[in-house]
Amino acid sequence: MKKVQYQTQGTCSKLIEVTADENNVIQEVTFYGGCNGNLQGITRLVKGLKIEDVIQRLEGIRCGAKPTSCPDQLCQALKLM
């Protein structure tokens, strides 16, 4: 198992923890801070997906006028795995 803790930048969430298996399949994602309902939804949607598929789908999403978002920050965390 691989695990990363990522301090987010530019979002309401402050920290993301991700666990993936040896096949790069996401097993668990936990966001600390941020919009609880939306982040629970993201967490459930990405669980069981391959890291590269999540990055391809979510990277570059913006939150309003911000240059990033929680899904985009998740991708930054996944790139470290």
N, C-alpha and C. Protein backbone atom coordinates (compact mmCIF):
# COMPACT_ATOMS: atom_id res chain seq x y z
N MET A 1 0.83 -1.19 0.00
CA MET A 1 0.00 0.00 0.00
C MET A 1 0.88 1.25 0.00
N LYS A 2 0.39 2.25 -0.71
CA LYS A 2 1.07 3.55 -0.75
C LYS A 2 0.16 4.55 -0.05
N LYS A 3 0.76 5.49 0.65
CA LYS A 3 -0.02 6.51 1.35
C LYS A 3 0.68 7.85 1.24
N VAL A 4 -0.11 8.90 1.04
CA VAL A 4 0.44 10.24 0.97
C VAL A 4 -0.45 11.19 1.77
N GLN A 5 0.19 12.13 2.45
CA GLN A 5 -0.51 13.25 3.11
C GLN A 5 -0.08 14.50 2.35
N TYR A 6 -1.07 15.26 1.89
CA TYR A 6 -0.77 16.43 1.06
C TYR A 6 -1.43 17.66 1.66
N GLN A 7 -0.63 18.68 1.95
CA GLN A 7 -1.17 19.96 2.43
C GLN A 7 -1.61 20.75 1.21
N THR A 8 -2.89 21.05 1.16
CA THR A 8 -3.44 21.73 0.00
C THR A 8 -3.05 23.20 -0.01
N GLN A 9 -3.17 23.80 -1.18
CA GLN A 9 -2.87 25.21 -1.36
C GLN A 9 -4.01 25.85 -2.14
N GLY A 10 -4.58 26.93 -1.61
CA GLY A 10 -5.59 27.69 -2.33
C GLY A 10 -7.00 27.14 -2.24
N THR A 11 -7.26 26.22 -1.30
CA THR A 11 -8.60 25.66 -1.15
C THR A 11 -9.04 25.73 0.31
N CYS A 12 -10.33 25.50 0.52
CA CYS A 12 -10.87 25.48 1.88
C CYS A 12 -10.38 24.26 2.65
N SER A 13 -10.22 23.13 1.96
CA SER A 13 -9.65 21.96 2.64
C SER A 13 -8.18 22.23 2.89
N LYS A 14 -7.67 21.69 3.97
CA LYS A 14 -6.29 21.96 4.38
C LYS A 14 -5.34 20.79 4.17
N LEU A 15 -5.89 19.57 4.16
CA LEU A 15 -5.05 18.38 4.07
C LEU A 15 -5.84 17.28 3.39
N ILE A 16 -5.13 16.49 2.57
CA ILE A 16 -5.73 15.33 1.92
C ILE A 16 -4.84 14.13 2.22
N GLU A 17 -5.45 13.03 2.64
CA GLU A 17 -4.74 11.76 2.82
C GLU A 17 -5.28 10.78 1.79
N VAL A 18 -4.38 10.11 1.09
CA VAL A 18 -4.77 9.15 0.06
C VAL A 18 -4.01 7.85 0.27
N THR A 19 -4.71 6.75 0.13
CA THR A 19 -4.11 5.42 0.16
C THR A 19 -4.45 4.72 -1.15
N ALA A 20 -3.43 4.11 -1.77
CA ALA A 20 -3.62 3.35 -3.00
C ALA A 20 -2.90 2.02 -2.86
N ASP A 21 -3.38 1.03 -3.62
CA ASP A 21 -2.74 -0.28 -3.56
C ASP A 21 -1.57 -0.35 -4.54
N GLU A 22 -0.96 -1.52 -4.64
CA GLU A 22 0.22 -1.70 -5.49
C GLU A 22 -0.10 -1.58 -6.98
N ASN A 23 -1.37 -1.64 -7.33
CA ASN A 23 -1.79 -1.48 -8.73
C ASN A 23 -2.25 -0.06 -9.05
N ASN A 24 -1.96 0.87 -8.14
CA ASN A 24 -2.34 2.28 -8.27
C ASN A 24 -3.85 2.49 -8.28
N VAL A 25 -4.57 1.65 -7.57
CA VAL A 25 -6.01 1.81 -7.41
C VAL A 25 -6.26 2.48 -6.06
N ILE A 26 -7.04 3.55 -6.08
CA ILE A 26 -7.30 4.32 -4.86
C ILE A 26 -8.18 3.51 -3.92
N GLN A 27 -7.72 3.37 -2.68
CA GLN A 27 -8.44 2.62 -1.67
C GLN A 27 -9.19 3.53 -0.69
N GLU A 28 -8.59 4.69 -0.40
CA GLU A 28 -9.21 5.59 0.57
C GLU A 28 -8.71 7.02 0.34
N VAL A 29 -9.63 7.99 0.48
CA VAL A 29 -9.30 9.41 0.41
C VAL A 29 -9.99 10.09 1.57
N THR A 30 -9.26 10.94 2.29
CA THR A 30 -9.83 11.73 3.37
C THR A 30 -9.41 13.18 3.19
N PHE A 31 -10.41 14.07 3.15
CA PHE A 31 -10.17 15.51 3.11
C PHE A 31 -10.38 16.07 4.50
N TYR A 32 -9.54 16.99 4.91
CA TYR A 32 -9.70 17.68 6.19
C TYR A 32 -10.02 19.14 5.90
N GLY A 33 -11.18 19.59 6.36
CA GLY A 33 -11.66 20.92 6.06
C GLY A 33 -12.40 20.90 4.73
N GLY A 34 -12.96 22.03 4.37
CA GLY A 34 -13.66 22.13 3.08
C GLY A 34 -15.14 21.82 3.19
N CYS A 35 -15.78 21.70 2.06
CA CYS A 35 -17.23 21.47 1.96
C CYS A 35 -17.51 19.98 2.14
N ASN A 36 -17.93 19.60 3.31
CA ASN A 36 -18.04 18.20 3.70
C ASN A 36 -18.83 17.35 2.71
N GLY A 37 -19.99 17.78 2.31
CA GLY A 37 -20.82 16.97 1.42
C GLY A 37 -20.17 16.76 0.07
N ASN A 38 -19.65 17.82 -0.53
CA ASN A 38 -18.99 17.70 -1.83
C ASN A 38 -17.77 16.80 -1.76
N LEU A 39 -17.01 16.94 -0.69
CA LEU A 39 -15.79 16.15 -0.57
C LEU A 39 -16.10 14.69 -0.30
N GLN A 40 -17.17 14.40 0.42
CA GLN A 40 -17.59 13.01 0.59
C GLN A 40 -17.96 12.41 -0.77
N GLY A 41 -18.63 13.22 -1.60
CA GLY A 41 -19.00 12.75 -2.93
C GLY A 41 -17.78 12.44 -3.78
N ILE A 42 -16.82 13.33 -3.79
CA ILE A 42 -15.59 13.11 -4.54
C ILE A 42 -14.90 11.84 -4.06
N THR A 43 -14.82 11.70 -2.74
CA THR A 43 -14.16 10.53 -2.14
C THR A 43 -14.81 9.24 -2.61
N ARG A 44 -16.13 9.17 -2.60
CA ARG A 44 -16.83 7.95 -3.02
C ARG A 44 -16.68 7.70 -4.52
N LEU A 45 -16.65 8.77 -5.31
CA LEU A 45 -16.53 8.59 -6.75
C LEU A 45 -15.16 8.09 -7.18
N VAL A 46 -14.10 8.49 -6.49
CA VAL A 46 -12.75 8.10 -6.91
C VAL A 46 -12.28 6.78 -6.31
N LYS A 47 -12.92 6.33 -5.24
CA LYS A 47 -12.52 5.08 -4.61
C LYS A 47 -12.69 3.93 -5.61
N GLY A 48 -11.64 3.15 -5.78
CA GLY A 48 -11.66 2.03 -6.70
C GLY A 48 -11.17 2.37 -8.10
N LEU A 49 -10.88 3.65 -8.37
CA LEU A 49 -10.37 4.05 -9.68
C LEU A 49 -8.85 4.09 -9.67
N LYS A 50 -8.27 3.97 -10.85
CA LYS A 50 -6.82 4.07 -10.99
C LYS A 50 -6.41 5.54 -10.87
N ILE A 51 -5.25 5.76 -10.27
CA ILE A 51 -4.73 7.10 -10.04
C ILE A 51 -4.71 7.91 -11.34
N GLU A 52 -4.18 7.33 -12.42
CA GLU A 52 -4.07 8.08 -13.67
C GLU A 52 -5.42 8.48 -14.25
N ASP A 53 -6.45 7.66 -14.03
CA ASP A 53 -7.79 7.99 -14.52
C ASP A 53 -8.37 9.19 -13.77
N VAL A 54 -8.15 9.23 -12.46
CA VAL A 54 -8.64 10.35 -11.65
C VAL A 54 -7.93 11.64 -12.06
N ILE A 55 -6.62 11.58 -12.24
CA ILE A 55 -5.87 12.77 -12.65
C ILE A 55 -6.39 13.27 -14.00
N GLN A 56 -6.61 12.37 -14.93
CA GLN A 56 -7.08 12.75 -16.26
C GLN A 56 -8.44 13.44 -16.19
N ARG A 57 -9.31 12.99 -15.30
CA ARG A 57 -10.67 13.54 -15.21
C ARG A 57 -10.77 14.82 -14.40
N LEU A 58 -9.96 14.95 -13.34
CA LEU A 58 -10.18 16.04 -12.38
C LEU A 58 -9.15 17.15 -12.41
N GLU A 59 -7.98 16.90 -12.99
CA GLU A 59 -6.94 17.93 -12.96
C GLU A 59 -7.39 19.17 -13.73
N GLY A 60 -7.12 20.32 -13.15
CA GLY A 60 -7.43 21.59 -13.80
C GLY A 60 -8.78 22.18 -13.45
N ILE A 61 -9.60 21.46 -12.68
CA ILE A 61 -10.89 22.01 -12.26
C ILE A 61 -10.63 23.19 -11.34
N ARG A 62 -11.38 24.25 -11.56
CA ARG A 62 -11.23 25.47 -10.76
C ARG A 62 -12.46 25.65 -9.88
N CYS A 63 -12.27 26.36 -8.78
CA CYS A 63 -13.37 26.69 -7.86
C CYS A 63 -13.59 28.20 -7.94
N GLY A 64 -14.63 28.60 -8.67
CA GLY A 64 -14.89 30.02 -8.85
C GLY A 64 -13.71 30.70 -9.52
N ALA A 65 -13.25 31.80 -8.93
CA ALA A 65 -12.12 32.56 -9.49
C ALA A 65 -10.77 32.00 -9.05
N LYS A 66 -10.78 31.01 -8.16
CA LYS A 66 -9.52 30.42 -7.68
C LYS A 66 -8.86 29.64 -8.82
N PRO A 67 -7.54 29.58 -8.85
CA PRO A 67 -6.85 28.84 -9.91
C PRO A 67 -6.83 27.33 -9.68
N THR A 68 -7.43 26.87 -8.58
CA THR A 68 -7.42 25.45 -8.24
C THR A 68 -8.74 25.10 -7.56
N SER A 69 -8.87 23.86 -7.11
CA SER A 69 -10.05 23.37 -6.41
C SER A 69 -9.66 22.15 -5.60
N CYS A 70 -10.57 21.65 -4.81
CA CYS A 70 -10.26 20.42 -4.06
C CYS A 70 -10.01 19.24 -4.99
N PRO A 71 -10.81 19.05 -6.07
CA PRO A 71 -10.48 17.96 -6.99
C PRO A 71 -9.10 18.14 -7.63
N ASP A 72 -8.75 19.37 -7.99
CA ASP A 72 -7.44 19.63 -8.58
C ASP A 72 -6.33 19.36 -7.57
N GLN A 73 -6.54 19.74 -6.32
CA GLN A 73 -5.55 19.48 -5.28
C GLN A 73 -5.40 17.98 -5.02
N LEU A 74 -6.50 17.23 -5.13
CA LEU A 74 -6.42 15.78 -5.02
C LEU A 74 -5.48 15.25 -6.10
N CYS A 75 -5.57 15.77 -7.30
CA CYS A 75 -4.69 15.34 -8.38
C CYS A 75 -3.24 15.63 -8.06
N GLN A 76 -2.98 16.77 -7.45
CA GLN A 76 -1.59 17.10 -7.06
C GLN A 76 -1.07 16.08 -6.04
N ALA A 77 -1.95 15.68 -5.12
CA ALA A 77 -1.56 14.65 -4.14
C ALA A 77 -1.30 13.32 -4.83
N LEU A 78 -2.15 12.96 -5.77
CA LEU A 78 -2.00 11.68 -6.48
C LEU A 78 -0.72 11.62 -7.29
N LYS A 79 -0.27 12.74 -7.80
CA LYS A 79 0.98 12.77 -8.57
C LYS A 79 2.19 12.42 -7.72
N LEU A 80 2.07 12.53 -6.40
CA LEU A 80 3.17 12.22 -5.49
C LEU A 80 3.25 10.72 -5.19
N MET A 81 2.28 9.96 -5.63
CA MET A 81 2.24 8.53 -5.28
C MET A 81 3.03 7.69 -6.25
